[in-house]
Protein backbone atom coordinates (compact mmCIF):
# COMPACT_ATOMS: atom_id res chain seq x y z
CA MET A 1 16.63 -22.49 26.39
CA SER A 2 14.23 -25.12 25.61
CA SER A 3 15.14 -27.76 23.10
CA VAL A 4 13.24 -26.11 20.29
CA PRO A 5 13.71 -22.46 20.39
CA LEU A 6 11.27 -19.79 20.13
CA ILE A 7 12.89 -17.77 17.64
CA SER A 8 15.83 -18.47 15.27
CA VAL A 9 18.02 -15.16 14.69
CA VAL A 10 19.90 -15.31 11.45
CA ILE A 11 22.74 -13.07 11.04
CA PRO A 12 24.56 -12.92 7.30
CA THR A 13 27.71 -11.46 7.19
CA HIS A 14 30.52 -10.78 5.08
CA ASN A 15 33.83 -8.98 6.12
CA ARG A 16 32.52 -6.83 9.01
CA ARG A 17 34.08 -8.45 11.93
CA GLU A 18 34.21 -5.66 14.05
CA LEU A 19 30.56 -4.55 13.37
CA LEU A 20 29.65 -8.04 13.40
CA ALA A 21 30.59 -8.05 17.05
CA SER A 22 28.24 -5.08 18.15
CA SER A 23 25.56 -6.65 16.02
CA LEU A 24 25.98 -10.05 17.65
CA ALA A 25 26.10 -8.58 21.16
CA SER A 26 22.89 -6.84 20.68
CA VAL A 27 21.32 -10.41 20.08
CA GLN A 28 22.62 -11.79 22.49
CA ALA A 29 21.52 -9.12 25.13
CA GLN A 30 17.87 -9.43 24.20
CA THR A 31 15.16 -9.91 27.26
CA LEU A 32 13.71 -12.86 25.36
CA GLY A 33 16.51 -15.34 25.70
CA ASP A 34 14.89 -18.33 24.26
CA ILE A 35 16.62 -17.97 20.87
CA GLU A 36 19.30 -19.55 18.61
CA ILE A 37 21.68 -17.69 16.78
CA LEU A 38 22.91 -18.43 13.30
CA VAL A 39 25.62 -16.59 12.14
CA VAL A 40 26.07 -17.36 8.31
CA ASP A 41 29.68 -16.36 6.78
CA ASP A 42 29.54 -15.42 3.21
CA GLY A 43 32.97 -16.10 2.16
CA SER A 44 34.70 -13.62 4.78
CA THR A 45 38.08 -13.20 4.70
CA ASP A 46 38.90 -11.24 7.71
CA ASP A 47 38.82 -13.79 10.27
CA THR A 48 35.14 -13.52 11.23
CA GLU A 49 34.89 -17.17 11.83
CA GLY A 50 37.68 -16.64 14.70
CA LEU A 51 35.54 -13.96 16.12
CA VAL A 52 31.95 -16.18 15.96
CA ARG A 53 33.97 -19.00 17.38
CA GLU A 54 35.05 -17.32 20.27
CA VAL A 55 31.92 -15.99 21.38
CA MET A 56 30.31 -19.78 20.96
CA GLY A 57 32.54 -20.80 24.08
CA SER A 58 30.38 -18.61 26.48
CA ASP A 59 27.09 -18.61 24.57
CA ILE A 60 25.47 -22.03 23.36
CA ARG A 61 22.73 -20.32 21.63
CA ILE A 62 25.09 -19.33 18.89
CA SER A 63 26.12 -21.36 15.88
CA TYR A 64 28.29 -20.86 12.83
CA VAL A 65 28.16 -21.94 9.34
CA ARG A 66 29.67 -21.06 6.18
CA SER A 67 27.69 -20.47 2.90
CA ALA A 68 29.46 -22.17 -0.31
CA ILE A 69 27.28 -20.05 -2.25
CA PRO A 70 28.27 -16.19 -2.68
CA GLY A 71 25.49 -13.34 -1.83
CA VAL A 72 23.40 -12.66 1.04
CA ALA A 73 20.33 -14.18 -0.56
CA ALA A 74 22.02 -17.34 -0.31
CA ALA A 75 23.33 -16.72 3.18
CA ARG A 76 19.61 -16.13 4.22
CA ASN A 77 18.34 -19.22 2.73
CA LEU A 78 20.93 -21.20 4.11
CA GLY A 79 20.20 -20.10 7.72
CA LEU A 80 16.58 -20.61 7.18
CA SER A 81 17.34 -24.35 6.04
CA GLN A 82 19.11 -24.51 9.53
CA ALA A 83 16.71 -23.10 11.49
CA HIS A 84 14.76 -24.73 14.35
CA ALA A 85 12.25 -22.23 15.39
CA SER A 86 8.92 -21.41 13.84
CA TRP A 87 9.77 -17.87 14.07
CA ILE A 88 12.82 -16.20 12.11
CA TYR A 89 14.52 -13.06 12.61
CA TYR A 90 17.07 -11.74 10.30
CA LEU A 91 19.61 -8.92 11.06
CA ASP A 92 22.23 -7.47 9.00
CA ASP A 93 25.93 -7.52 10.34
CA ASP A 94 26.19 -3.98 10.79
CA ASP A 95 22.56 -3.31 12.55
CA LEU A 96 21.63 -3.30 16.14
CA ALA A 97 18.58 -4.97 17.80
CA HIS A 98 16.83 -3.17 20.32
CA PRO A 99 17.21 -4.94 23.46
CA LYS A 100 13.49 -5.64 23.81
CA GLY A 101 12.94 -6.06 19.86
CA LEU A 102 12.32 -9.55 19.87
CA GLU A 103 10.43 -9.81 23.03
CA ILE A 104 8.15 -6.78 21.27
CA LEU A 105 7.81 -8.63 17.93
CA TYR A 106 6.97 -12.33 19.69
CA THR A 107 4.05 -10.78 21.72
CA ARG A 108 2.14 -9.80 18.40
CA VAL A 109 3.37 -12.43 16.13
CA ARG A 110 1.21 -13.27 13.26
CA HIS A 111 1.46 -15.31 9.68
CA PRO A 112 2.95 -14.38 7.45
CA ALA A 113 5.10 -11.62 9.42
CA VAL A 114 4.80 -8.81 12.13
CA ALA A 115 6.85 -5.85 11.68
CA GLY A 116 7.74 -2.56 14.04
CA ARG A 117 9.65 0.53 13.82
CA ALA A 118 12.99 1.01 12.57
CA TRP A 119 15.54 3.76 13.17
CA ARG A 120 18.51 4.56 10.83
CA PHE A 121 21.64 6.02 12.36
CA ALA A 122 25.08 7.30 10.72
CA SER A 123 28.21 5.57 12.40
CA SER A 124 31.22 3.36 11.14
CA SER A 125 32.22 2.87 14.86
CA PRO A 126 31.69 -0.78 16.16
CA ASP A 127 31.47 0.59 19.80
CA VAL A 128 27.82 2.13 19.08
CA GLN A 129 25.07 0.86 21.10
CA PRO A 130 21.21 1.37 20.92
CA VAL A 131 21.03 3.43 24.22
CA ASP A 132 23.65 5.74 22.66
CA VAL A 133 21.53 6.37 19.51
CA VAL A 134 18.36 7.20 21.92
CA ALA A 135 20.53 9.34 24.33
CA ASP A 136 21.85 11.55 21.54
CA PRO A 137 19.78 11.01 18.05
CA ARG A 138 21.36 14.45 16.54
CA ARG A 139 24.72 13.36 16.69
CA PHE A 140 23.91 9.80 14.88
CA GLN A 141 21.52 11.59 12.61
CA ALA A 142 19.01 9.37 14.02
CA ARG A 143 15.56 9.22 12.46
CA PRO A 144 12.55 6.67 11.60
CA TRP A 145 12.96 4.37 8.55
CA PRO A 146 10.43 4.32 6.78
CA PRO A 147 9.09 7.84 8.19
CA THR A 148 5.54 6.43 8.31
CA LEU A 149 4.08 2.71 8.75
CA PRO A 150 0.69 2.13 8.01
CA SER A 151 -1.37 0.02 10.65
CA GLN A 152 -1.08 -2.82 8.23
CA VAL A 153 0.84 -3.49 5.01
CA THR A 154 -0.81 -5.05 1.81
CA ILE A 155 0.28 -5.85 -1.37
CA ARG A 156 -1.03 -2.82 -2.70
CA ASP A 157 1.26 -0.82 0.10
CA LEU A 158 4.09 -2.73 -1.29
CA LEU A 159 3.70 -1.87 -5.06
CA THR A 160 3.36 1.55 -4.19
CA ALA A 161 6.88 1.61 -2.33
CA PRO A 162 9.03 -0.53 0.02
CA ARG A 163 7.60 -0.26 3.41
CA ILE A 164 9.68 -2.63 6.22
CA PRO A 165 13.16 -3.09 6.81
CA MET A 166 14.29 -7.04 7.10
CA GLY A 167 15.34 -6.46 10.53
CA ALA A 168 12.27 -4.87 11.94
CA ALA A 169 10.25 -7.80 11.08
CA LEU A 170 9.45 -11.59 12.46
CA PHE A 171 8.71 -13.90 9.96
CA SER A 172 6.77 -17.07 10.17
CA ARG A 173 9.23 -19.81 9.22
CA GLN A 174 6.48 -21.51 7.12
CA ALA A 175 5.33 -18.56 5.28
CA LEU A 176 9.21 -17.90 4.24
CA LEU A 177 9.27 -21.63 2.94
CA THR A 178 6.02 -21.21 1.17
CA ALA A 179 7.15 -17.82 -0.40
CA GLY A 180 10.29 -19.33 -1.95
CA GLY A 181 12.72 -17.57 0.15
CA PHE A 182 15.30 -15.15 -1.10
CA SER A 183 16.00 -15.19 -4.83
CA SER A 184 19.68 -15.19 -5.48
CA LYS A 185 18.64 -13.66 -8.96
CA ARG A 186 18.62 -10.55 -7.62
CA ARG A 187 21.73 -8.47 -7.04
CA ALA A 188 19.99 -5.98 -4.60
CA ALA A 189 16.17 -5.54 -3.59
CA GLU A 190 16.15 -9.18 -2.75
CA ASP A 191 14.13 -8.36 0.39
CA TYR A 192 11.47 -6.23 -1.39
CA ASP A 193 10.92 -9.09 -3.88
CA LEU A 194 10.45 -11.35 -0.62
CA TRP A 195 7.97 -9.02 0.94
CA LEU A 196 5.81 -8.80 -2.36
CA ARG A 197 5.57 -12.85 -2.37
CA LEU A 198 4.93 -12.97 1.31
CA ALA A 199 2.27 -10.38 1.21
CA LEU A 200 0.45 -12.59 -1.13
CA LEU A 201 0.26 -14.95 1.65
CA GLY A 202 -1.52 -12.34 4.31
CA VAL A 203 -1.58 -8.94 5.38
CA ILE A 204 1.69 -7.96 7.42
CA SER A 205 0.39 -6.70 10.77
CA THR A 206 2.56 -3.73 12.12
CA LEU A 207 3.22 -2.10 15.68
CA ASP A 208 4.29 1.52 16.48
CA GLU A 209 7.39 0.73 18.62
CA VAL A 210 11.00 0.60 17.76
CA VAL A 211 12.86 -2.83 17.64
CA VAL A 212 15.91 -2.15 15.35
CA TYR A 213 18.76 0.29 14.72
CA CYS A 214 19.73 0.29 11.10
CA ARG A 215 23.49 1.41 10.71
CA GLN A 216 24.55 3.91 7.58
CA HIS A 217 28.07 4.03 6.77
CA GLN A 218 30.39 4.32 3.65
CA VAL A 219 31.10 0.35 3.18
CA GLN A 220 27.49 -0.38 1.71
CA THR A 221 26.42 -1.81 -1.37
CA SER A 222 23.18 -0.10 -0.33
CA ARG A 223 24.84 3.26 -1.07
CA ASP A 224 24.63 2.17 -4.87
CA GLN A 225 21.49 4.11 -5.70
CA ARG A 226 21.49 2.93 -9.40
CA LEU A 227 22.07 -0.48 -8.71
CA HIS A 228 19.05 -0.53 -6.22
CA SER A 229 16.76 1.55 -8.46
CA ARG A 230 17.26 -1.15 -11.60
CA GLU A 231 16.85 -3.92 -9.37
CA THR A 232 13.70 -2.48 -7.84
CA ARG A 233 12.34 -2.04 -11.11
CA LEU A 234 13.10 -5.49 -12.49
CA VAL A 235 11.46 -7.06 -9.16
CA LEU A 236 8.40 -4.98 -9.85
CA GLU A 237 8.30 -5.64 -13.76
CA SER A 238 8.76 -9.76 -13.14
CA PHE A 239 6.01 -9.34 -10.40
CA ALA A 240 3.81 -7.62 -13.25
CA LYS A 241 4.20 -10.44 -15.41
CA THR A 242 3.04 -13.44 -12.86
CA HIS A 243 0.22 -11.22 -11.23
CA PRO A 244 -1.06 -9.10 -13.95
CA ARG A 245 -4.61 -9.15 -12.23
CA LEU A 246 -2.94 -7.54 -9.09
CA ILE A 247 -1.42 -4.72 -11.27
CA ALA A 248 -4.82 -4.33 -12.71
CA ALA A 249 -6.58 -3.99 -9.28
CA HIS A 250 -3.47 -1.82 -8.04
CA GLY A 251 -3.92 0.62 -10.83
CA ARG A 252 -2.18 0.22 -14.42
CA LEU A 253 -1.48 3.91 -14.53
CA ARG A 254 -0.20 4.42 -10.62
CA PHE A 255 2.04 1.47 -11.56
CA ARG A 256 3.80 2.74 -14.91
CA ARG A 257 4.19 5.92 -12.68
CA ARG A 258 6.12 3.86 -10.22
CA LEU A 259 8.17 2.46 -12.70
CA ALA A 260 8.99 5.52 -14.26
CA SER A 261 10.27 7.04 -11.09
CA LEU A 262 12.57 4.30 -10.52
CA TRP A 263 14.01 4.75 -14.31
CA ARG A 264 14.30 8.58 -13.09
CA GLU A 265 16.51 7.63 -10.29
CA GLU A 266 18.66 5.37 -12.66
CA ALA A 267 19.01 8.45 -15.15
CA TYR A 268 19.89 10.66 -12.53
CA GLU A 269 22.70 8.36 -11.57
CA LEU A 270 24.08 7.74 -14.85
CA PHE A 271 23.79 11.51 -15.65
CA ARG A 272 25.66 12.34 -12.35
CA SER A 273 28.22 9.28 -13.29
CA GLY A 274 29.16 11.01 -16.24
CA LEU A 275 27.46 8.76 -18.44
CA PRO A 276 25.28 11.07 -20.44
CA ARG A 277 24.19 8.63 -23.54
CA GLU A 278 22.97 6.11 -21.07
CA GLY A 279 21.28 8.57 -19.12
CA VAL A 280 19.31 9.98 -21.97
CA ALA A 281 18.63 6.56 -23.16
CA THR A 282 17.40 5.74 -19.55
CA ALA A 283 15.40 8.60 -19.17
CA LEU A 284 13.31 8.03 -22.58
CA ARG A 285 12.65 4.57 -21.34
CA GLY A 286 10.89 6.30 -18.29
CA LEU A 287 9.09 8.61 -20.28
CA VAL A 288 7.72 5.97 -22.19
CA ARG A 289 6.18 4.64 -19.31
CA TRP A 290 5.04 7.87 -17.84
CA PRO A 291 5.27 11.11 -20.01
CA GLY A 292 4.11 13.15 -17.12
CA GLU A 293 7.38 12.42 -14.86
CA TRP A 294 8.68 16.18 -15.29
CA ARG A 295 12.05 15.48 -13.68
CA LEU A 296 12.96 13.18 -16.65
CA TRP A 297 12.18 16.02 -19.09
CA ALA A 298 14.26 18.43 -17.11
CA TYR A 299 17.10 15.88 -16.88
CA LEU A 300 16.94 15.64 -20.83
CA ALA A 301 17.28 19.37 -21.28
CA ALA A 302 20.01 19.78 -18.92
CA ALA A 303 21.97 16.98 -20.87
CA ALA A 304 21.23 18.83 -24.19
CA LEU A 305 22.62 22.01 -22.56
CA ARG A 306 25.59 20.00 -20.69
CA ARG A 307 24.54 21.42 -17.50
CA PHE A 308 22.95 18.67 -15.53
CA PRO A 309 22.10 20.08 -12.26
CA ARG A 310 23.31 18.05 -9.24
CA ASN A 311 20.37 19.41 -7.03
CA LEU A 312 17.61 17.56 -8.77
CA ARG A 313 18.23 14.17 -6.99
CA PRO A 314 15.35 11.76 -6.79
CA THR A 315 13.23 11.72 -3.49
CA THR A 316 13.72 8.20 -2.82
CA LEU A 317 16.12 7.45 -0.20
CA VAL A 318 19.05 4.93 -0.95
CA ALA A 319 18.60 1.45 -0.19
CA GLU A 320 15.05 1.72 0.83
CA ASN A 321 14.53 -2.17 0.35
CA GLY A 322 17.94 -3.68 -0.16
CA ASP A 323 20.38 -5.03 2.07
CA SER A 324 22.91 -2.64 4.23
CA ARG A 325 26.02 -4.26 2.23
């Protein structure tokens, strides 16, 4: 490795010692080897440090740092502050990088970021490798994420929906610093918040090649649909206050429909959790934004009849834009 690596890989982690081992191994096995690997421990109590220091003994590219501030946003920011490379790659501690993922991304780097494709797969086993998912995608319920990826991602694309998982992108370090890094105010959707600010700096280039495999399992904060819907809505509402002209150019009605869909997702989870009063109040707030959101009317009717149908799930996937904790 040269004195200044080509890429700094930042892996935030919290109490996932076994899964972290496979994620870390997937980075060590990259065909592009001129990298540094920063494992940022977000207050783990499961001897994550012992695992990392053991691996460090045989790989000088790895560093361990413990974050004094809780939360994945703070951990990612700490990794960024200690990175030496001009290009930054973030990998969640339960995901797996494609063996050629960094090489693929690095050959197409562009300010402020370049993004490839991700595949979601379902498994809680730490022994799963990318080759296993490729060999038997049905077994792991593997599928592209997101289902489609435009040739480039603009601010208008991001206002419509989250587009890019963090582990599928390679970022300009300067762009991350200019954008202000990750917001510690967000309990979720902190990456979506950052993507919006990065897109203000330029178009996100994309390539139709798989670079990461994103794991789905039971122990994830990203499975909290209500949390992610609310935080995504708050991110968009905050962005609209700061950039009203961009919202006007995007289309105010379209933006209101987007907010209504997020109120709908939150309302559904409230009804489903046995909180009908909160669900009704949330549904009404969504209808104020967009009266044409028919599912909200259906939810209110079902609530009035005390027969809330569980088959009226929102179409948005859980954690389309949040971290995988």
